[in-house]
Amino acid sequence: MKHLLFSTALLLAGLSLHAQHETIFGRGRLSGAFGGPIVEMGLREGFGTSIGGGGGLVLGNVILGAYGLGAVDLKEVLQNDDIDRLELAHGGLWLGFTYPSYKAIHLYGGARLGWGGINIELDNPRVTDFDQIFVATPEMGIELNLTRWFRVAGTAGYRFVNGSAPGAAYTDKDFSGPVAALTFRFGWFGNGRF
């Protein structure tokens, strides 16, 4: 009888181990959360600066969050005196990774994928145009752990813009180009090595 119970227990244990599902995020445990400002500067003459912020969760070395950015100076992008107002804003998903995140200086990489709009107002003739756009900004750089709750990342990347209307006073290329960014993250990032 003992042998039958022991054999049954081994069989059930083996079946339960075999029945576990493998998942993509199964090994990534929640180790922190953060939020903070983002400053994105165009590296081409007159490309402009965007300011915004974001926040998210830290899952081991992976970052999963959301962001929002708005351009603060785009007047020289099109170099047209008839432009009264030119605005670019977008927000969406923020994905990233840090390796090894417990070191004082380490690698940072990521991408911001978002949706937004370009708003332009012309003086002569008086025209207002708004286009919905998709924006993708992959980036790579270095992150510094200044304190246990404060990190700064400096990155270089490329902003891809898609969706401006055909025949408009601007094209996707006018808003696409190389960028540099500073990201300030405040929060809790976990305690140990992953």
Protein backbone atom coordinates (compact mmCIF):
# COMPACT_ATOMS: atom_id res chain seq x y z
CA MET A 1 0.00 0.00 0.00
CA LYS A 2 2.85 2.40 0.84
CA HIS A 3 4.44 1.69 -2.53
CA LEU A 4 1.16 2.44 -4.34
CA LEU A 5 0.73 5.77 -2.49
CA PHE A 6 4.35 6.72 -3.11
CA SER A 7 4.10 5.84 -6.83
CA THR A 8 0.85 7.81 -7.17
CA ALA A 9 2.41 10.86 -5.47
CA LEU A 10 5.43 10.73 -7.81
CA LEU A 11 3.18 10.42 -10.86
CA LEU A 12 1.00 13.38 -9.81
CA ALA A 13 4.07 15.50 -9.04
CA GLY A 14 5.54 14.70 -12.45
CA LEU A 15 2.27 15.54 -14.22
CA SER A 16 1.91 18.83 -12.36
CA LEU A 17 5.46 19.85 -13.31
CA HIS A 18 4.83 18.87 -16.91
CA ALA A 19 1.53 20.80 -17.00
CA GLN A 20 3.08 24.18 -16.14
CA HIS A 21 2.90 26.67 -18.99
CA GLU A 22 5.94 28.57 -20.22
CA THR A 23 5.26 32.30 -20.56
CA ILE A 24 7.16 35.27 -21.97
CA PHE A 25 6.94 37.36 -18.79
CA GLY A 26 6.93 34.42 -16.37
CA ARG A 27 10.48 34.99 -15.16
CA GLY A 28 10.28 38.77 -14.97
CA ARG A 29 9.21 39.73 -11.48
CA LEU A 30 8.02 43.21 -10.62
CA SER A 31 11.00 44.89 -9.00
CA GLY A 32 10.10 48.59 -9.11
CA ALA A 33 8.23 51.54 -10.55
CA PHE A 34 9.29 55.00 -11.69
CA GLY A 35 8.22 58.31 -13.20
CA GLY A 36 9.92 61.47 -14.38
CA PRO A 37 10.60 64.05 -17.10
CA ILE A 38 12.02 63.46 -20.60
CA VAL A 39 13.83 66.09 -22.70
CA GLU A 40 14.39 65.24 -26.39
CA MET A 41 16.60 67.51 -28.53
CA GLY A 42 16.90 67.41 -32.31
CA LEU A 43 20.45 66.96 -33.59
CA ARG A 44 19.73 68.65 -36.92
CA GLU A 45 19.67 72.45 -37.31
CA GLY A 46 16.25 73.87 -36.42
CA PHE A 47 14.85 70.43 -35.56
CA GLY A 48 13.47 71.54 -32.21
CA THR A 49 13.16 70.30 -28.65
CA SER A 50 10.40 68.22 -27.08
CA ILE A 51 9.59 68.06 -23.37
CA GLY A 52 7.34 65.60 -21.58
CA GLY A 53 7.41 62.74 -19.17
CA GLY A 54 6.70 59.12 -18.56
CA GLY A 55 6.48 56.38 -16.04
CA GLY A 56 6.25 52.65 -15.78
CA LEU A 57 7.17 49.38 -14.16
CA VAL A 58 10.55 47.71 -13.79
CA LEU A 59 10.50 43.95 -14.41
CA GLY A 60 14.05 42.80 -13.68
CA ASN A 61 16.09 44.61 -16.34
CA VAL A 62 13.07 45.42 -18.52
CA ILE A 63 11.08 48.68 -18.49
CA LEU A 64 7.41 48.72 -19.50
CA GLY A 65 5.66 52.08 -19.36
CA ALA A 66 4.00 55.01 -21.08
CA TYR A 67 5.19 58.47 -22.16
CA GLY A 68 4.02 61.78 -23.61
CA LEU A 69 6.07 64.47 -25.43
CA GLY A 70 5.26 67.85 -26.94
CA ALA A 71 7.52 70.03 -29.08
CA VAL A 72 8.36 73.42 -27.62
CA ASP A 73 10.27 75.02 -30.50
CA LEU A 74 9.65 73.93 -34.10
CA LYS A 75 9.59 77.33 -35.83
CA GLU A 76 12.68 76.68 -37.95
CA VAL A 77 11.67 73.17 -39.14
CA LEU A 78 9.91 74.41 -42.28
CA GLN A 79 11.56 77.87 -42.55
CA ASN A 80 8.35 79.49 -43.78
CA ASP A 81 7.46 83.04 -42.65
CA ASP A 82 3.74 82.39 -43.16
CA ILE A 83 3.62 79.82 -40.33
CA ASP A 84 1.85 81.23 -37.28
CA ARG A 85 1.86 78.02 -35.21
CA LEU A 86 3.51 74.62 -35.60
CA GLU A 87 3.00 71.92 -32.95
CA LEU A 88 3.97 68.28 -32.63
CA ALA A 89 2.75 66.08 -29.76
CA HIS A 90 2.72 62.31 -29.27
CA GLY A 91 2.44 59.69 -26.56
CA GLY A 92 2.22 55.95 -26.15
CA LEU A 93 4.19 52.87 -25.12
CA TRP A 94 7.70 53.07 -23.62
CA LEU A 95 9.80 49.90 -23.75
CA GLY A 96 13.37 49.65 -22.48
CA PHE A 97 16.09 47.60 -20.87
CA THR A 98 19.08 48.24 -18.64
CA TYR A 99 22.08 45.97 -18.25
CA PRO A 100 23.44 45.40 -15.65
CA SER A 101 21.08 47.73 -13.83
CA TYR A 102 22.72 47.29 -10.40
CA LYS A 103 26.01 48.87 -11.63
CA ALA A 104 26.50 52.63 -11.09
CA ILE A 105 27.00 53.14 -14.85
CA HIS A 106 25.30 50.74 -17.25
CA LEU A 107 23.76 50.36 -20.71
CA TYR A 108 20.29 51.64 -21.46
CA GLY A 109 18.29 50.95 -24.60
CA GLY A 110 14.70 51.39 -25.52
CA ALA A 111 12.00 52.61 -27.84
CA ARG A 112 9.05 54.95 -27.55
CA LEU A 113 6.14 54.02 -29.82
CA GLY A 114 3.31 56.52 -29.92
CA TRP A 115 0.51 58.28 -31.71
CA GLY A 116 -0.14 61.98 -31.88
CA GLY A 117 -0.59 64.91 -34.18
CA ILE A 118 0.98 67.73 -36.13
CA ASN A 119 -0.93 71.02 -35.93
CA ILE A 120 -0.03 73.86 -38.27
CA GLU A 121 -1.61 77.31 -38.73
CA LEU A 122 -0.65 79.52 -41.68
CA ASP A 123 -1.17 83.29 -41.82
CA ASN A 124 -1.48 83.85 -45.55
CA PRO A 125 -3.80 82.33 -46.59
CA ARG A 126 -5.33 81.59 -43.19
CA VAL A 127 -5.23 77.77 -43.02
CA THR A 128 -5.32 75.32 -40.11
CA ASP A 129 -4.25 71.72 -40.70
CA PHE A 130 -4.05 68.79 -38.28
CA ASP A 131 -2.59 65.39 -39.15
CA GLN A 132 -2.63 62.26 -37.02
CA ILE A 133 0.78 60.59 -36.95
CA PHE A 134 2.64 57.53 -35.70
CA VAL A 135 6.04 58.12 -34.03
CA ALA A 136 8.76 55.54 -33.28
CA THR A 137 11.96 56.55 -31.47
CA PRO A 138 14.53 53.79 -30.88
CA GLU A 139 17.48 54.87 -28.69
CA MET A 140 20.67 53.62 -27.01
CA GLY A 141 22.83 55.16 -24.33
CA ILE A 142 24.21 55.13 -20.82
CA GLU A 143 22.31 55.33 -17.52
CA LEU A 144 23.72 56.53 -14.19
CA ASN A 145 22.41 55.40 -10.81
CA LEU A 146 22.81 58.65 -8.86
CA THR A 147 20.94 57.40 -5.78
CA ARG A 148 18.81 54.38 -4.94
CA TRP A 149 15.74 56.29 -6.10
CA PHE A 150 17.11 58.52 -8.91
CA ARG A 151 18.58 57.58 -12.32
CA VAL A 152 19.59 59.68 -15.33
CA ALA A 153 19.95 58.29 -18.87
CA GLY A 154 21.61 60.03 -21.81
CA THR A 155 20.73 58.53 -25.18
CA ALA A 156 21.00 59.01 -28.92
CA GLY A 157 18.38 57.76 -31.32
CA TYR A 158 16.26 58.47 -34.37
CA ARG A 159 12.68 59.75 -34.47
CA PHE A 160 10.59 58.25 -37.29
CA VAL A 161 7.34 60.10 -38.07
CA ASN A 162 4.68 58.65 -40.38
CA GLY A 163 1.22 59.88 -41.34
CA SER A 164 1.44 63.48 -42.56
CA ALA A 165 -1.07 64.23 -45.30
CA PRO A 166 0.07 64.12 -48.93
CA GLY A 167 0.26 67.63 -50.41
CA ALA A 168 0.63 69.35 -47.02
CA ALA A 169 3.17 72.14 -46.41
CA TYR A 170 5.38 69.53 -44.69
CA THR A 171 6.32 65.86 -45.01
CA ASP A 172 7.21 63.08 -42.59
CA LYS A 173 10.90 63.78 -43.30
CA ASP A 174 10.58 67.31 -41.87
CA PHE A 175 9.88 65.82 -38.41
CA SER A 176 12.02 62.66 -38.67
CA GLY A 177 15.68 62.76 -37.75
CA PRO A 178 18.40 62.08 -35.18
CA VAL A 179 17.68 63.03 -31.56
CA ALA A 180 19.45 63.05 -28.22
CA ALA A 181 17.49 62.63 -24.99
CA LEU A 182 17.89 63.03 -21.26
CA THR A 183 15.56 60.92 -19.13
CA PHE A 184 15.23 61.46 -15.38
CA ARG A 185 13.67 58.51 -13.54
CA PHE A 186 12.54 58.77 -9.93
CA GLY A 187 11.24 55.71 -8.12
CA TRP A 188 12.11 52.33 -6.71
CA PHE A 189 14.27 50.05 -8.85
CA GLY A 190 14.65 46.92 -6.72
CA ASN A 191 17.38 45.84 -4.35
CA GLY A 192 19.47 43.11 -5.88
CA ARG A 193 21.06 41.66 -8.97
CA PHE A 194 18.87 39.92 -11.53
